[in-house]
N, C-alpha and C. Protein backbone atom coordinates (compact mmCIF):
# COMPACT_ATOMS: atom_id res chain seq x y z
N MET A 1 124.29 126.51 96.63
CA MET A 1 122.91 126.57 96.62
C MET A 1 122.26 125.29 95.55
N ARG A 2 123.00 124.89 94.84
CA ARG A 2 122.50 123.54 93.69
C ARG A 2 122.62 122.27 94.60
N ARG A 3 123.80 122.37 95.66
CA ARG A 3 124.08 121.17 96.41
C ARG A 3 122.82 120.80 97.49
N LYS A 4 122.29 122.11 97.94
CA LYS A 4 121.55 121.88 98.81
C LYS A 4 120.12 121.49 98.11
N THR A 5 119.91 122.14 96.85
CA THR A 5 118.45 121.45 96.34
C THR A 5 118.78 120.27 95.85
N ILE A 6 119.87 119.54 95.65
CA ILE A 6 119.96 118.03 95.26
C ILE A 6 119.86 117.44 96.72
N ARG A 7 120.44 117.79 97.64
CA ARG A 7 120.36 117.02 98.68
C ARG A 7 118.70 117.05 99.31
N ASN A 8 118.17 118.33 99.02
CA ASN A 8 116.62 118.57 99.57
C ASN A 8 115.95 117.35 98.87
N ARG A 9 116.12 117.04 97.47
CA ARG A 9 115.46 116.09 96.54
C ARG A 9 115.78 114.90 96.76
N ARG A 10 116.98 114.58 97.37
CA ARG A 10 117.35 113.35 97.38
C ARG A 10 116.62 112.86 99.02
N GLY A 11 116.52 113.82 99.86
CA GLY A 11 115.64 113.59 101.14
C GLY A 11 114.44 112.89 100.78
N PHE A 12 113.45 114.03 99.94
CA PHE A 12 111.99 113.61 99.47
C PHE A 12 112.03 112.40 98.87
N LEU A 13 113.09 111.93 97.85
CA LEU A 13 113.04 110.62 97.23
C LEU A 13 113.14 109.44 98.55
N THR A 14 114.15 109.93 99.37
CA THR A 14 114.67 108.60 100.29
C THR A 14 113.44 108.46 101.19
N ALA A 15 112.39 109.57 101.53
CA ALA A 15 111.45 109.39 102.50
C ALA A 15 110.20 108.97 101.55
N ALA A 16 110.17 108.66 100.39
CA ALA A 16 109.19 107.99 99.52
C ALA A 16 109.66 106.83 99.48
N ALA A 17 111.03 106.41 99.49
CA ALA A 17 111.61 104.94 99.20
C ALA A 17 111.40 104.21 100.63
N ILE A 18 111.59 104.95 101.46
CA ILE A 18 111.45 104.38 102.95
C ILE A 18 109.92 104.13 103.52
N ALA A 19 108.96 104.80 102.96
CA ALA A 19 108.00 104.44 103.08
C ALA A 19 107.38 103.19 102.01
N LEU A 20 107.57 103.17 100.79
CA LEU A 20 107.41 102.22 100.19
C LEU A 20 107.96 100.85 100.75
N LEU A 21 109.44 101.01 100.90
CA LEU A 21 109.91 99.82 101.73
C LEU A 21 109.04 99.26 102.85
N THR A 22 108.47 100.08 103.64
CA THR A 22 107.78 99.48 104.67
C THR A 22 106.63 99.08 104.25
N GLY A 23 105.78 99.37 103.50
CA GLY A 23 104.75 98.95 102.60
C GLY A 23 104.96 97.35 102.39
N ALA A 24 106.26 97.15 101.90
CA ALA A 24 106.51 95.75 101.24
C ALA A 24 106.78 95.01 102.37
N LEU A 25 107.59 95.43 103.50
CA LEU A 25 107.83 94.73 104.70
C LEU A 25 106.56 94.33 105.34
N LEU A 26 105.59 95.41 105.47
CA LEU A 26 104.24 94.75 106.35
C LEU A 26 103.77 93.78 105.28
N PHE A 27 103.52 93.82 104.16
CA PHE A 27 102.97 92.70 103.35
C PHE A 27 103.72 91.32 103.64
N LEU A 28 105.12 91.56 103.49
CA LEU A 28 105.67 90.31 104.26
C LEU A 28 105.51 89.87 105.43
N MET A 29 105.35 90.53 106.51
CA MET A 29 104.63 90.36 107.48
C MET A 29 103.28 89.84 107.86
N ALA A 30 102.71 89.84 106.51
CA ALA A 30 101.30 89.06 106.63
C ALA A 30 100.25 90.03 106.91
N ARG A 31 100.50 91.35 107.04
CA ARG A 31 99.49 92.34 107.32
C ARG A 31 98.49 92.33 106.15
N PRO A 32 97.23 92.28 106.42
CA PRO A 32 96.18 92.34 105.59
C PRO A 32 96.35 93.80 104.66
N PRO A 33 96.08 93.70 103.44
CA PRO A 33 96.28 95.21 102.34
C PRO A 33 95.08 96.19 103.11
N ILE A 34 93.76 95.72 103.12
CA ILE A 34 92.71 96.51 103.45
C ILE A 34 92.11 95.61 104.35
N CYS A 35 91.16 96.24 105.10
CA CYS A 35 90.13 95.78 105.91
C CYS A 35 89.80 94.42 105.60
N THR A 36 89.92 93.40 106.52
CA THR A 36 89.18 92.12 106.00
C THR A 36 87.51 92.28 105.76
N CYS A 37 87.28 93.11 106.35
CA CYS A 37 85.62 93.37 106.10
C CYS A 37 85.26 93.53 104.49
N GLY A 38 86.47 93.71 103.73
CA GLY A 38 86.21 93.72 102.26
C GLY A 38 86.07 95.14 101.53
N TYR A 39 85.84 96.46 102.53
CA TYR A 39 85.70 97.69 101.82
C TYR A 39 86.53 98.50 102.43
N VAL A 40 86.77 99.64 102.02
CA VAL A 40 87.56 100.55 102.57
C VAL A 40 86.79 102.08 102.84
N GLU A 41 86.94 102.64 104.10
CA GLU A 41 86.46 103.80 104.31
C GLU A 41 87.50 105.05 104.45
N LEU A 42 87.15 106.06 103.95
CA LEU A 42 88.01 107.12 104.07
C LEU A 42 87.98 107.57 105.51
N TRP A 43 86.88 107.58 106.37
CA TRP A 43 86.85 107.88 107.82
C TRP A 43 86.30 106.84 108.43
N HIS A 44 86.82 105.95 109.71
CA HIS A 44 86.28 105.12 110.53
C HIS A 44 85.86 105.89 111.77
N GLY A 45 85.06 106.42 112.11
CA GLY A 45 84.95 107.14 113.39
C GLY A 45 84.42 106.37 114.84
N ALA A 46 83.93 104.98 114.48
CA ALA A 46 83.42 104.30 115.57
C ALA A 46 84.56 103.51 116.29
N LEU A 47 84.48 103.06 117.75
CA LEU A 47 85.35 102.61 118.41
C LEU A 47 85.12 101.02 118.30
N ASP A 48 85.55 100.42 117.15
CA ASP A 48 85.49 99.02 117.09
C ASP A 48 86.44 98.16 116.38
N SER A 49 86.35 97.30 115.96
CA SER A 49 87.59 96.40 115.30
C SER A 49 87.46 97.06 113.79
N GLY A 50 87.01 98.05 113.47
CA GLY A 50 87.19 98.92 112.45
C GLY A 50 88.46 99.86 112.30
N ASN A 51 88.80 100.06 113.79
CA ASN A 51 89.74 100.88 114.18
C ASN A 51 91.20 100.41 113.32
N SER A 52 92.26 101.27 112.73
CA SER A 52 93.48 100.83 112.25
C SER A 52 93.33 100.19 111.06
N GLN A 53 91.90 99.89 110.59
CA GLN A 53 91.74 99.28 109.29
C GLN A 53 91.51 99.80 107.91
N HIS A 54 91.18 101.10 108.30
CA HIS A 54 90.52 101.82 106.88
C HIS A 54 91.77 103.03 106.82
N ILE A 55 91.30 104.10 106.17
CA ILE A 55 92.18 105.11 105.79
C ILE A 55 92.38 105.90 106.97
N ALA A 56 91.68 106.63 107.91
CA ALA A 56 91.92 107.45 108.56
C ALA A 56 90.73 107.13 110.10
N ASP A 57 91.02 107.20 111.04
CA ASP A 57 90.37 107.23 112.29
C ASP A 57 90.73 108.05 113.42
N TRP A 58 90.14 108.31 114.35
CA TRP A 58 90.60 108.84 115.51
C TRP A 58 92.07 108.96 115.86
N TYR A 59 92.72 108.08 115.61
CA TYR A 59 94.05 107.72 116.26
C TYR A 59 94.88 108.35 114.92
N SER A 60 94.57 108.61 114.00
CA SER A 60 94.90 109.36 112.94
C SER A 60 95.64 110.76 113.43
N LEU A 61 95.18 111.43 114.31
CA LEU A 61 95.62 112.66 115.14
C LEU A 61 96.69 112.35 115.79
N SER A 62 96.85 110.96 116.40
CA SER A 62 98.18 111.08 116.87
C SER A 62 99.45 111.09 116.13
N HIS A 63 98.92 110.77 114.65
CA HIS A 63 100.38 110.72 113.87
C HIS A 63 100.61 112.03 113.22
N VAL A 64 99.81 113.01 113.20
CA VAL A 64 99.87 114.08 112.86
C VAL A 64 100.76 114.61 113.86
N ILE A 65 100.37 114.41 115.31
CA ILE A 65 101.11 115.02 116.09
C ILE A 65 102.42 114.44 116.22
N HIS A 66 102.67 113.09 115.81
CA HIS A 66 104.12 112.71 115.63
C HIS A 66 104.91 113.35 114.56
N GLY A 67 104.08 113.79 113.42
CA GLY A 67 104.88 114.88 112.65
C GLY A 67 105.18 116.31 113.35
N PHE A 68 104.60 116.74 114.09
CA PHE A 68 104.98 117.83 114.78
C PHE A 68 105.98 117.41 115.53
N LEU A 69 106.05 116.74 116.41
CA LEU A 69 107.16 116.47 117.29
C LEU A 69 108.55 115.86 116.56
N PHE A 70 108.50 115.01 115.48
CA PHE A 70 109.67 114.75 114.45
C PHE A 70 110.01 116.01 113.94
N TYR A 71 109.29 116.97 113.38
CA TYR A 71 109.91 117.97 112.91
C TYR A 71 110.64 118.77 113.99
N ALA A 72 110.11 118.82 115.12
CA ALA A 72 110.69 119.78 116.13
C ALA A 72 112.12 119.11 116.40
N ALA A 73 112.16 117.76 116.69
CA ALA A 73 113.40 116.79 116.67
C ALA A 73 114.54 117.08 115.56
N ALA A 74 113.79 117.00 114.50
CA ALA A 74 114.77 117.06 113.35
C ALA A 74 115.22 118.40 113.08
N HIS A 75 114.50 119.40 113.30
CA HIS A 75 114.83 120.96 113.20
C HIS A 75 116.01 120.84 114.50
N LEU A 76 116.07 120.41 115.54
CA LEU A 76 117.00 120.55 116.42
C LEU A 76 118.35 119.82 116.22
N ALA A 77 118.09 118.68 115.89
CA ALA A 77 119.11 117.66 115.44
C ALA A 77 119.78 117.81 114.26
N MET A 78 119.03 118.24 113.08
CA MET A 78 119.59 118.23 111.68
C MET A 78 119.65 119.71 111.16
N ARG A 79 119.82 120.92 112.15
CA ARG A 79 119.71 122.02 111.90
C ARG A 79 120.17 122.57 110.49
N ARG A 80 121.40 121.92 110.23
CA ARG A 80 121.89 122.57 108.95
C ARG A 80 121.13 121.76 107.67
N GLN A 81 120.57 120.79 107.93
CA GLN A 81 120.16 120.20 106.46
C GLN A 81 118.75 120.69 106.20
N PRO A 82 118.74 120.52 104.64
CA PRO A 82 117.34 120.92 104.34
C PRO A 82 116.26 120.16 104.78
N LEU A 83 115.26 120.73 104.42
CA LEU A 83 113.85 119.95 104.85
C LEU A 83 113.86 118.18 104.38
N GLY A 84 113.81 118.17 103.05
CA GLY A 84 113.94 116.70 102.48
C GLY A 84 114.78 115.66 103.66
N PRO A 85 115.86 115.80 103.89
CA PRO A 85 116.57 114.94 104.71
C PRO A 85 116.26 114.77 105.96
N ARG A 86 115.62 116.18 106.73
CA ARG A 86 114.74 115.75 107.99
C ARG A 86 113.49 115.22 107.63
N LEU A 87 112.72 115.35 106.72
CA LEU A 87 111.57 114.41 106.62
C LEU A 87 112.20 112.67 106.32
N ALA A 88 113.23 112.71 105.63
CA ALA A 88 113.33 111.18 105.54
C ALA A 88 113.75 110.77 106.83
N MET A 89 114.45 111.15 107.99
CA MET A 89 114.29 110.66 109.09
C MET A 89 113.24 110.72 109.89
N ALA A 90 112.52 111.65 109.84
CA ALA A 90 110.98 111.46 110.26
C ALA A 90 110.29 110.18 109.99
N VAL A 91 110.26 110.19 108.44
CA VAL A 91 109.35 109.12 107.89
C VAL A 91 110.45 107.74 108.11
N LEU A 92 111.69 107.90 108.51
CA LEU A 92 112.10 106.76 108.92
C LEU A 92 111.83 106.17 110.24
N VAL A 93 111.69 106.91 111.21
CA VAL A 93 111.18 106.76 112.57
C VAL A 93 109.78 106.20 112.72
N GLU A 94 108.94 107.16 111.84
CA GLU A 94 107.32 106.57 111.80
C GLU A 94 107.61 105.36 111.33
N CYS A 95 108.22 104.95 110.31
CA CYS A 95 107.97 103.44 109.52
C CYS A 95 108.38 102.39 110.61
N VAL A 96 109.49 102.78 111.47
CA VAL A 96 109.97 101.83 112.23
C VAL A 96 108.92 101.46 113.21
N TRP A 97 108.24 102.53 113.77
CA TRP A 97 107.09 102.73 114.83
C TRP A 97 105.84 101.56 114.02
N GLU A 98 105.76 102.08 112.81
CA GLU A 98 104.82 100.91 112.00
C GLU A 98 104.87 99.47 111.93
N ILE A 99 106.17 99.09 111.78
CA ILE A 99 106.51 97.82 111.84
C ILE A 99 106.72 97.31 113.21
N LEU A 100 107.09 97.86 114.25
CA LEU A 100 106.78 97.33 115.70
C LEU A 100 105.50 97.53 115.91
N GLU A 101 104.79 98.46 115.65
CA GLU A 101 103.43 98.57 116.07
C GLU A 101 102.68 97.27 115.24
N ASN A 102 103.27 96.62 114.69
CA ASN A 102 102.38 95.50 113.84
C ASN A 102 103.31 94.09 114.10
N SER A 103 103.86 94.31 115.32
CA SER A 103 104.59 92.99 115.64
C SER A 103 103.86 92.55 116.92
N PRO A 104 104.11 90.96 116.79
CA PRO A 104 103.15 90.34 117.55
C PRO A 104 103.38 90.53 119.02
N ILE A 105 104.38 91.01 119.51
CA ILE A 105 104.75 91.70 120.80
C ILE A 105 104.01 93.11 121.06
N ILE A 106 104.01 93.93 120.17
CA ILE A 106 103.26 95.13 120.44
C ILE A 106 101.52 95.12 120.45
N ILE A 107 101.33 94.23 119.24
CA ILE A 107 99.96 94.04 119.24
C ILE A 107 99.21 93.26 120.29
N ASP A 108 100.24 92.27 121.13
CA ASP A 108 99.61 91.63 122.48
C ASP A 108 99.80 92.82 123.42
N ARG A 109 100.91 93.60 123.43
CA ARG A 109 100.72 94.87 124.61
C ARG A 109 99.76 95.40 124.66
N TYR A 110 99.33 95.96 123.50
CA TYR A 110 98.00 96.77 123.14
C TYR A 110 96.78 95.90 123.92
N ARG A 111 96.48 94.67 123.49
CA ARG A 111 95.64 94.05 124.09
C ARG A 111 95.44 93.96 125.55
N THR A 112 96.88 93.77 126.07
CA THR A 112 96.77 93.64 127.65
C THR A 112 96.78 95.08 128.43
N ALA A 113 97.40 95.84 128.03
CA ALA A 113 97.81 96.96 128.59
C ALA A 113 96.85 98.27 128.48
N THR A 114 95.86 97.95 127.25
CA THR A 114 95.19 99.26 126.80
C THR A 114 93.61 98.89 126.80
N ILE A 115 92.89 100.09 126.52
CA ILE A 115 91.55 99.31 125.73
C ILE A 115 91.29 98.73 124.67
N ALA A 116 92.17 98.66 124.03
CA ALA A 116 92.30 97.84 122.60
C ALA A 116 92.10 96.33 122.73
N LEU A 117 91.17 95.91 123.48
CA LEU A 117 91.30 94.56 123.44
C LEU A 117 91.07 93.63 122.41
N GLY A 118 90.55 93.94 121.45
CA GLY A 118 90.60 93.28 120.06
C GLY A 118 91.27 93.56 118.84
N TYR A 119 92.03 94.61 119.31
CA TYR A 119 93.15 95.11 118.16
C TYR A 119 94.03 94.02 117.70
N SER A 120 94.07 94.10 116.20
CA SER A 120 94.78 93.01 115.66
C SER A 120 96.01 93.59 114.71
N GLY A 121 96.17 94.71 114.89
CA GLY A 121 97.20 95.74 114.19
C GLY A 121 96.43 96.23 113.14
N ASP A 122 97.54 97.03 112.49
CA ASP A 122 97.05 97.92 111.21
C ASP A 122 96.97 97.24 109.98
N THR A 123 95.95 97.61 109.10
CA THR A 123 96.01 97.03 107.46
C THR A 123 97.53 97.85 107.03
N ILE A 124 97.78 97.14 105.81
CA ILE A 124 98.81 98.07 105.01
C ILE A 124 98.38 99.58 104.65
N LEU A 125 96.97 99.75 104.29
CA LEU A 125 96.45 100.85 103.76
C LEU A 125 96.64 101.91 105.12
N ASN A 126 96.08 101.24 106.34
CA ASN A 126 96.23 102.28 107.32
C ASN A 126 97.68 102.58 108.07
N SER A 127 98.54 101.57 107.82
CA SER A 127 100.12 102.00 108.00
C SER A 127 100.42 103.13 107.22
N MET A 128 100.40 102.96 105.82
CA MET A 128 100.41 104.22 104.95
C MET A 128 99.63 105.03 105.13
N SER A 129 98.73 105.48 105.50
CA SER A 129 98.12 106.55 105.71
C SER A 129 98.61 107.12 107.00
N ASP A 130 99.02 106.42 107.93
CA ASP A 130 99.45 106.84 109.49
C ASP A 130 100.89 107.95 108.87
N ILE A 131 101.86 106.93 107.92
CA ILE A 131 102.60 107.83 107.52
C ILE A 131 102.68 108.78 106.85
N GLY A 132 101.36 108.98 106.08
CA GLY A 132 101.18 110.21 105.30
C GLY A 132 100.41 111.38 106.24
N MET A 133 99.94 110.82 107.43
CA MET A 133 99.24 111.76 108.18
C MET A 133 100.49 112.54 109.25
N MET A 134 101.55 111.86 109.56
CA MET A 134 102.64 112.27 110.16
C MET A 134 103.60 113.16 109.19
N ALA A 135 103.52 112.88 108.00
CA ALA A 135 104.15 113.77 106.91
C ALA A 135 103.49 115.00 106.84
N ALA A 136 102.13 114.82 106.84
CA ALA A 136 101.42 116.33 106.62
C ALA A 136 101.36 117.17 108.13
N GLY A 137 101.55 116.56 109.22
CA GLY A 137 102.09 117.07 110.39
C GLY A 137 103.27 117.80 110.36
N PHE A 138 104.24 117.02 109.73
CA PHE A 138 105.59 117.46 109.65
C PHE A 138 105.89 118.58 108.90
N PHE A 139 104.90 118.69 107.94
CA PHE A 139 105.02 119.83 106.74
C PHE A 139 104.09 121.30 107.42
N PHE A 140 103.10 120.92 108.10
CA PHE A 140 102.21 122.11 108.82
C PHE A 140 103.40 122.39 109.89
N ALA A 141 104.14 121.73 110.58
CA ALA A 141 105.03 122.22 111.44
C ALA A 141 106.05 123.05 111.07
N ALA A 142 106.57 122.79 109.86
CA ALA A 142 107.53 123.49 109.07
C ALA A 142 107.24 124.55 108.72
N ARG A 143 105.73 124.86 108.35
CA ARG A 143 105.51 125.93 107.79
C ARG A 143 104.69 127.06 108.50
N ALA A 144 103.96 126.40 109.87
CA ALA A 144 103.21 127.17 110.75
C ALA A 144 104.12 127.82 111.71
N PRO A 145 103.68 129.13 112.29
CA PRO A 145 104.30 129.37 113.61
C PRO A 145 104.41 128.37 114.74
N VAL A 146 105.45 128.22 115.69
CA VAL A 146 105.43 127.30 116.54
C VAL A 146 104.38 127.36 117.52
N ILE A 147 103.87 128.39 117.89
CA ILE A 147 102.64 128.41 119.00
C ILE A 147 101.40 128.03 118.13
N VAL A 148 101.40 128.21 116.75
CA VAL A 148 100.16 127.68 116.27
C VAL A 148 100.10 126.28 116.01
N THR A 149 101.39 125.36 116.06
CA THR A 149 101.68 123.99 115.77
C THR A 149 101.38 123.38 117.24
N VAL A 150 101.59 124.37 118.54
CA VAL A 150 101.46 123.57 119.69
C VAL A 150 100.08 123.78 120.05
N CYS A 151 99.30 124.98 119.71
CA CYS A 151 97.85 124.88 120.04
C CYS A 151 97.03 123.93 119.32
N VAL A 152 97.53 123.53 118.03
CA VAL A 152 96.86 122.63 117.08
C VAL A 152 97.01 121.22 117.68
N GLY A 153 98.56 120.88 118.23
CA GLY A 153 98.53 119.53 118.94
C GLY A 153 97.86 119.43 119.85
N VAL A 154 97.69 120.63 120.97
CA VAL A 154 97.09 120.51 122.38
C VAL A 154 95.60 120.24 121.94
N ALA A 155 94.98 121.04 121.04
CA ALA A 155 93.67 120.62 120.40
C ALA A 155 93.26 119.41 120.15
N MET A 156 94.14 118.88 119.39
CA MET A 156 93.70 117.49 118.96
C MET A 156 93.88 116.59 119.83
N GLU A 157 94.74 116.63 120.87
CA GLU A 157 94.79 115.75 122.11
C GLU A 157 93.74 115.79 122.65
N LEU A 158 93.06 117.26 123.27
CA LEU A 158 91.75 117.28 123.87
C LEU A 158 90.90 116.75 123.08
N ILE A 159 90.57 117.06 122.13
CA ILE A 159 89.43 116.30 121.10
C ILE A 159 89.49 114.92 121.09
N ALA A 160 90.44 114.38 121.08
CA ALA A 160 90.36 112.81 120.91
C ALA A 160 90.28 112.26 122.56
N LEU A 161 90.61 112.97 123.60
CA LEU A 161 90.46 112.67 125.08
C LEU A 161 88.95 112.91 125.02
N ALA A 162 88.18 113.70 124.84
CA ALA A 162 86.85 114.12 125.00
C ALA A 162 86.04 113.22 124.07
N VAL A 163 86.46 112.58 122.91
CA VAL A 163 85.60 111.76 122.01
C VAL A 163 85.90 110.45 122.46
N ILE A 164 87.11 109.81 122.53
CA ILE A 164 87.54 108.37 122.48
C ILE A 164 88.15 108.38 123.98
N ARG A 165 88.22 109.13 124.53
CA ARG A 165 89.14 108.94 125.98
C ARG A 165 90.43 108.26 125.72
N ASP A 166 91.12 108.64 124.78
CA ASP A 166 92.14 108.47 124.53
C ASP A 166 92.89 109.28 123.30
N ASN A 167 94.28 109.22 123.54
CA ASN A 167 95.22 110.08 122.58
C ASN A 167 96.52 109.87 122.36
N LEU A 168 97.43 110.28 122.31
CA LEU A 168 98.93 110.09 122.16
C LEU A 168 99.39 110.13 123.48
N THR A 169 99.31 110.87 124.23
CA THR A 169 99.61 110.87 125.43
C THR A 169 99.42 109.64 126.37
N LEU A 170 97.88 109.59 126.42
CA LEU A 170 97.60 107.93 126.87
C LEU A 170 97.81 106.81 126.40
N ASN A 171 98.26 106.89 125.20
CA ASN A 171 98.55 106.02 124.26
C ASN A 171 100.06 105.55 124.83
N VAL A 172 100.62 106.56 124.88
CA VAL A 172 102.24 106.25 125.34
C VAL A 172 102.25 105.71 126.76
N LEU A 173 101.75 106.19 127.67
CA LEU A 173 101.53 106.04 129.18
C LEU A 173 100.93 104.86 129.31
N MET A 174 99.89 104.30 128.73
CA MET A 174 99.38 102.85 128.81
C MET A 174 100.27 101.67 128.36
N LEU A 175 101.02 102.12 127.08
CA LEU A 175 101.84 101.23 126.68
C LEU A 175 103.12 101.11 127.51
N ALA A 176 103.68 102.03 128.04
CA ALA A 176 104.79 102.27 128.82
C ALA A 176 104.51 101.80 130.33
N TRP A 177 103.71 102.27 130.93
CA TRP A 177 103.05 102.09 132.41
C TRP A 177 102.00 102.05 132.52
N PRO A 178 101.32 100.98 132.29
CA PRO A 178 99.53 100.67 132.59
C PRO A 178 98.91 101.13 133.70
N ILE A 179 98.15 101.94 133.93
CA ILE A 179 97.79 102.26 135.19
C ILE A 179 96.02 101.82 135.03
N ASP A 180 95.70 101.27 135.89
CA ASP A 180 94.40 100.34 136.13
C ASP A 180 93.27 101.41 136.18
N ALA A 181 93.29 102.47 136.76
CA ALA A 181 92.24 103.44 137.00
C ALA A 181 92.01 104.22 135.65
N VAL A 182 92.97 104.59 134.76
CA VAL A 182 92.98 104.96 133.42
C VAL A 182 92.30 103.96 132.79
N LYS A 183 92.49 102.72 132.88
CA LYS A 183 91.82 101.88 131.91
C LYS A 183 90.81 101.80 132.28
N VAL A 184 90.08 101.76 133.52
CA VAL A 184 88.78 101.50 133.76
C VAL A 184 87.67 102.75 133.08
N TRP A 185 88.82 103.87 133.52
CA TRP A 185 88.08 105.09 133.07
C TRP A 185 87.68 105.23 131.34
N GLN A 186 88.68 104.76 130.71
CA GLN A 186 88.55 104.69 129.05
C GLN A 186 87.41 103.32 128.50
N SER A 187 87.57 102.51 129.41
CA SER A 187 86.89 101.50 129.31
C SER A 187 85.08 101.86 129.27
N ALA A 188 85.03 102.70 130.18
CA ALA A 188 83.45 103.07 130.54
C ALA A 188 82.60 103.87 129.36
N LEU A 189 83.50 104.24 128.34
CA LEU A 189 82.97 104.89 127.10
C LEU A 189 81.92 104.02 126.48
């Protein structure tokens, strides 16, 4: 029991260290710490250049869903491990995405393949918040019944679809295999 507690604690500490290292790497990548507008909003609901610049926006829902999915994957792949190491693996995957998402190749891909024409990448604050949103989703999935987690995930996808005509599903689709009809539909908002 003591060894499991130690592994669990190490996993949580590793997750925190990975997140902090990611913040440092994003700084070295010359990502702005906060919005270049000079202020920080807790919630930025408009679809404009403020997306991915503040603490939370409509795309934060996608990161919560990442947490649901990463929990499921870690539960299957790391069944014998306590929650801490599973979280560390989920944070690692999310952090790799945050670094890739803020690379010139992915920023350019967003600009050309999706409705994010003026997308300039995330601020460090937003990336750290995205990691936190994923962790919140991960912990929710660890505690909630599977059916509740699935229903909440579907609801978040539908809400984002209704409000901003975008969500995790469409985001992945449009990055991997852009469809002009979807881009036109999304742009009509």
